Amino acid sequence: MRFQTLREARWILLVLFVFIAISTRIKSWLNIICTALILGTLYFFRDPNRSTPSDGDAIVAPADGRIVCIDEPFEPEVLKAVARRVAIFLSVFNVHVNRAPIAGEITYLRSHCGSFLDARHPDATRENAYKTWAFQNPQATLVVRQIAGAVARRIIGWSKIGDKISKGERFGMIRFGSRTEVYLPIDCKITVRIGERVKAGETVIAKFRSNEPIAS
């Protein structure tokens, strides 16, 4: 359990501990419920270490969860081109820490206001609040979009523009159920399929076609 991750739960834990202090004087079963909620919160904010592949062509998942979409939409904010998109749905049972899909520099970061539809809803990508990141290295520029869900109302960023980041390094998280999308160069080879479960910083979701620079 990392302090940086656990710190994001500080107010939730504080309220639950206050409830425990009150419930001990009222009903013992309330104490049990509050204790269970504290354990559940600690479980949600877990942040295990991951083994990131060293292959320079490998692009790793930016989030834990299940692949719900693989398509080729137009990415209008950063790339301004058609890209290969891999979308991951995170349930409340997944680790919610986001990790960099490639090593490089953070060159773009912007938050957007929006709705809070269920992250599985087809309109969630367009309508929900989200935060867009761009990771750039000599091979390509990749875009990662953290999308809020019906329960996830806070998108957290730990890194900033100009930061140099390693592949698999933590850069932020989304609290509770949500969706994370990564936009890849159109000629990348996708190595996952819809329905597959992936781990952030560890599962290879795509590969660059060669070691030669790819136009971003």
Protein backbone atom coordinates (compact mmCIF):
# COMPACT_ATOMS: atom_id res chain seq x y z
CA MET A 1 0.00 0.00 0.00
CA ARG A 2 1.64 3.26 -1.15
CA PHE A 3 1.15 6.41 0.92
CA GLN A 4 0.45 8.51 -2.21
CA THR A 5 -2.41 6.21 -3.19
CA LEU A 6 -3.77 5.75 0.32
CA ARG A 7 -3.70 9.53 0.85
CA GLU A 8 -6.49 9.83 -1.72
CA ALA A 9 -8.73 7.92 0.70
CA ARG A 10 -7.96 10.08 3.73
CA TRP A 11 -11.33 11.85 3.94
CA ILE A 12 -13.29 8.66 3.33
CA LEU A 13 -11.35 6.89 6.09
CA LEU A 14 -11.69 9.85 8.44
CA VAL A 15 -15.48 9.88 8.09
CA LEU A 16 -15.67 6.11 8.60
CA PHE A 17 -13.51 6.26 11.75
CA VAL A 18 -15.76 9.02 13.11
CA PHE A 19 -18.77 6.81 12.41
CA ILE A 20 -17.07 3.95 14.27
CA ALA A 21 -16.44 6.20 17.27
CA ILE A 22 -20.13 7.17 17.29
CA SER A 23 -21.52 3.71 16.55
CA THR A 24 -19.70 2.10 19.49
CA ARG A 25 -22.00 4.11 21.74
CA ILE A 26 -25.16 3.27 19.81
CA LYS A 27 -25.34 -0.15 18.14
CA SER A 28 -22.60 -2.75 17.86
CA TRP A 29 -23.84 -3.83 14.41
CA LEU A 30 -23.16 -0.31 13.11
CA ASN A 31 -19.57 -0.74 14.27
CA ILE A 32 -19.31 -3.94 12.24
CA ILE A 33 -20.68 -2.23 9.11
CA CYS A 34 -18.25 0.70 9.47
CA THR A 35 -15.31 -1.67 9.99
CA ALA A 36 -16.30 -3.57 6.84
CA LEU A 37 -16.46 -0.29 4.90
CA ILE A 38 -12.98 0.67 6.11
CA LEU A 39 -11.58 -2.69 5.01
CA GLY A 40 -13.36 -2.29 1.66
CA THR A 41 -11.86 1.19 1.22
CA LEU A 42 -8.35 -0.09 1.98
CA TYR A 43 -8.91 -2.87 -0.55
CA PHE A 44 -10.06 -0.42 -3.22
CA PHE A 45 -7.02 1.84 -2.71
CA ARG A 46 -4.54 -1.02 -2.90
CA ASP A 47 -1.60 -0.39 -5.23
CA PRO A 48 0.46 -3.52 -5.93
CA ASN A 49 3.83 -3.46 -7.64
CA ARG A 50 3.89 -4.65 -11.24
CA SER A 51 6.51 -6.25 -13.51
CA THR A 52 6.71 -4.09 -16.63
CA PRO A 53 8.11 -5.75 -19.79
CA SER A 54 11.39 -4.29 -21.02
CA ASP A 55 10.61 -4.79 -24.74
CA GLY A 56 10.93 -1.34 -26.32
CA ASP A 57 8.14 -2.09 -28.81
CA ALA A 58 5.68 -3.19 -26.13
CA ILE A 59 2.83 -0.87 -25.10
CA VAL A 60 1.31 -1.76 -21.74
CA ALA A 61 -2.20 -1.30 -20.39
CA PRO A 62 -2.71 2.05 -18.62
CA ALA A 63 -5.34 0.54 -16.33
CA ASP A 64 -6.58 -2.69 -14.76
CA GLY A 65 -9.90 -4.01 -15.99
CA ARG A 66 -11.66 -5.55 -18.97
CA ILE A 67 -11.20 -4.59 -22.62
CA VAL A 68 -14.59 -3.29 -23.80
CA CYS A 69 -13.72 -1.64 -27.11
CA ILE A 70 -11.09 -1.85 -29.85
CA ASP A 71 -11.74 0.47 -32.78
CA GLU A 72 -10.27 3.22 -34.98
CA PRO A 73 -11.93 6.58 -34.23
CA PHE A 74 -10.71 10.08 -35.02
CA GLU A 75 -8.84 11.52 -32.02
CA PRO A 76 -9.58 15.28 -32.18
CA GLU A 77 -7.80 16.71 -29.15
CA VAL A 78 -4.10 15.81 -29.44
CA LEU A 79 -3.36 13.57 -32.41
CA LYS A 80 -6.01 15.10 -34.69
CA ALA A 81 -5.95 11.90 -36.72
CA VAL A 82 -7.48 8.46 -36.89
CA ALA A 83 -5.97 6.23 -34.20
CA ARG A 84 -6.38 2.75 -32.81
CA ARG A 85 -8.30 2.92 -29.54
CA VAL A 86 -8.27 0.35 -26.75
CA ALA A 87 -10.85 1.05 -24.02
CA ILE A 88 -10.71 -0.56 -20.57
CA PHE A 89 -13.62 -0.68 -18.12
CA LEU A 90 -12.66 -0.63 -14.44
CA SER A 91 -15.15 -2.05 -11.94
CA VAL A 92 -15.04 -1.14 -8.24
CA PHE A 93 -13.09 -4.38 -7.68
CA ASN A 94 -10.18 -3.40 -9.92
CA VAL A 95 -7.02 -1.54 -8.92
CA HIS A 96 -7.68 2.05 -10.03
CA VAL A 97 -4.12 3.37 -10.34
CA ASN A 98 -3.21 4.41 -13.90
CA ARG A 99 0.23 3.72 -15.37
CA ALA A 100 2.11 5.07 -18.38
CA PRO A 101 1.74 2.84 -21.48
CA ILE A 102 5.18 3.87 -22.80
CA ALA A 103 8.27 5.62 -21.51
CA GLY A 104 8.51 9.26 -22.51
CA GLU A 105 7.56 12.82 -21.67
CA ILE A 106 4.13 14.08 -20.70
CA THR A 107 3.44 16.71 -23.35
CA TYR A 108 -0.27 17.38 -22.85
CA LEU A 109 -2.66 17.38 -19.91
CA ARG A 110 -6.16 18.81 -19.77
CA SER A 111 -9.29 18.23 -17.67
CA HIS A 112 -12.80 18.41 -19.13
CA CYS A 113 -16.11 18.81 -17.31
CA GLY A 114 -19.03 16.58 -18.18
CA SER A 115 -21.69 14.14 -17.05
CA PHE A 116 -21.34 10.98 -14.98
CA LEU A 117 -22.98 8.25 -17.06
CA ASP A 118 -22.15 4.62 -16.38
CA ALA A 119 -18.67 4.13 -17.86
CA ARG A 120 -20.02 1.24 -19.96
CA HIS A 121 -22.59 3.49 -21.63
CA PRO A 122 -21.82 4.11 -25.34
CA ASP A 123 -22.07 7.89 -24.80
CA ALA A 124 -19.71 7.94 -21.81
CA THR A 125 -16.67 8.71 -23.99
CA ARG A 126 -18.29 11.89 -25.35
CA GLU A 127 -20.44 13.01 -22.42
CA ASN A 128 -18.60 12.18 -19.20
CA ALA A 129 -15.99 14.25 -17.37
CA TYR A 130 -12.49 13.19 -18.38
CA LYS A 131 -8.79 14.03 -18.28
CA THR A 132 -6.57 13.71 -21.35
CA TRP A 133 -2.84 12.90 -21.21
CA ALA A 134 -0.26 12.65 -24.00
CA PHE A 135 2.93 10.59 -23.65
CA GLN A 136 5.60 11.22 -26.27
CA ASN A 137 8.87 9.49 -27.13
CA PRO A 138 10.88 9.13 -30.38
CA GLN A 139 8.56 6.33 -31.55
CA ALA A 140 5.17 7.98 -31.16
CA THR A 141 2.73 10.10 -29.20
CA LEU A 142 0.12 8.11 -27.27
CA VAL A 143 -3.01 9.60 -25.75
CA VAL A 144 -4.58 8.26 -22.54
CA ARG A 145 -8.02 9.41 -21.47
CA GLN A 146 -9.25 8.90 -17.88
CA ILE A 147 -13.06 8.93 -17.98
CA ALA A 148 -15.23 9.33 -14.90
CA GLY A 149 -18.17 6.97 -14.33
CA ALA A 150 -21.46 6.98 -12.46
CA VAL A 151 -19.67 6.26 -9.17
CA ALA A 152 -16.22 7.62 -9.98
CA ARG A 153 -16.51 11.36 -9.51
CA ARG A 154 -12.85 12.28 -9.08
CA ILE A 155 -10.00 11.92 -11.54
CA ILE A 156 -6.60 12.32 -9.91
CA GLY A 157 -3.31 13.26 -11.58
CA TRP A 158 0.04 12.84 -9.84
CA SER A 159 2.23 13.89 -12.79
CA LYS A 160 2.38 17.10 -14.82
CA ILE A 161 3.39 18.41 -18.24
CA GLY A 162 7.14 18.12 -18.78
CA ASP A 163 7.61 15.13 -16.48
CA LYS A 164 9.76 12.31 -17.84
CA ILE A 165 8.03 9.05 -17.02
CA SER A 166 9.01 5.40 -17.27
CA LYS A 167 6.84 2.76 -18.88
CA GLY A 168 4.55 1.35 -16.22
CA GLU A 169 5.11 4.29 -13.87
CA ARG A 170 2.07 5.55 -11.93
CA PHE A 171 0.69 8.90 -13.12
CA GLY A 172 -2.76 9.08 -11.53
CA MET A 173 -5.93 7.22 -10.60
CA ILE A 174 -9.73 7.36 -10.84
CA ARG A 175 -11.80 6.77 -7.75
CA PHE A 176 -14.26 3.85 -8.09
CA GLY A 177 -15.81 2.46 -11.32
CA SER A 178 -14.57 4.17 -14.48
CA ARG A 179 -13.07 3.84 -17.96
CA THR A 180 -9.58 4.40 -19.36
CA GLU A 181 -8.84 4.68 -23.08
CA VAL A 182 -5.53 4.67 -24.91
CA TYR A 183 -5.12 5.98 -28.47
CA LEU A 184 -2.31 4.32 -30.43
CA PRO A 185 -0.67 4.85 -33.83
CA ILE A 186 -2.87 3.36 -36.55
CA ASP A 187 -0.21 0.83 -37.59
CA CYS A 188 0.33 -0.64 -34.12
CA LYS A 189 -0.33 -4.35 -33.70
CA ILE A 190 -3.06 -4.93 -31.09
CA THR A 191 -2.27 -7.94 -28.87
CA VAL A 192 -5.47 -8.10 -26.77
CA ARG A 193 -9.11 -8.82 -27.58
CA ILE A 194 -12.47 -7.57 -26.34
CA GLY A 195 -13.44 -9.22 -23.07
CA GLU A 196 -9.84 -9.87 -22.00
CA ARG A 197 -8.78 -8.75 -18.53
CA VAL A 198 -5.58 -6.70 -18.28
CA LYS A 199 -3.26 -5.33 -15.61
CA ALA A 200 -1.88 -1.79 -15.68
CA GLY A 201 1.82 -1.56 -16.39
CA GLU A 202 2.10 -5.29 -16.98
CA THR A 203 -0.19 -6.57 -19.76
CA VAL A 204 1.06 -5.82 -23.29
CA ILE A 205 -1.94 -4.45 -25.21
CA ALA A 206 -0.12 -3.52 -28.43
CA LYS A 207 3.27 -3.37 -30.12
CA PHE A 208 4.99 -0.93 -32.43
CA ARG A 209 5.63 -2.56 -35.79
CA SER A 210 9.39 -1.98 -35.67
CA ASN A 211 12.11 -0.10 -33.85
CA GLU A 212 12.05 2.60 -36.51
CA PRO A 213 10.50 5.93 -35.47
CA ILE A 214 6.76 6.17 -36.13
CA ALA A 215 5.28 9.50 -37.08
CA SER A 216 3.11 10.84 -34.29
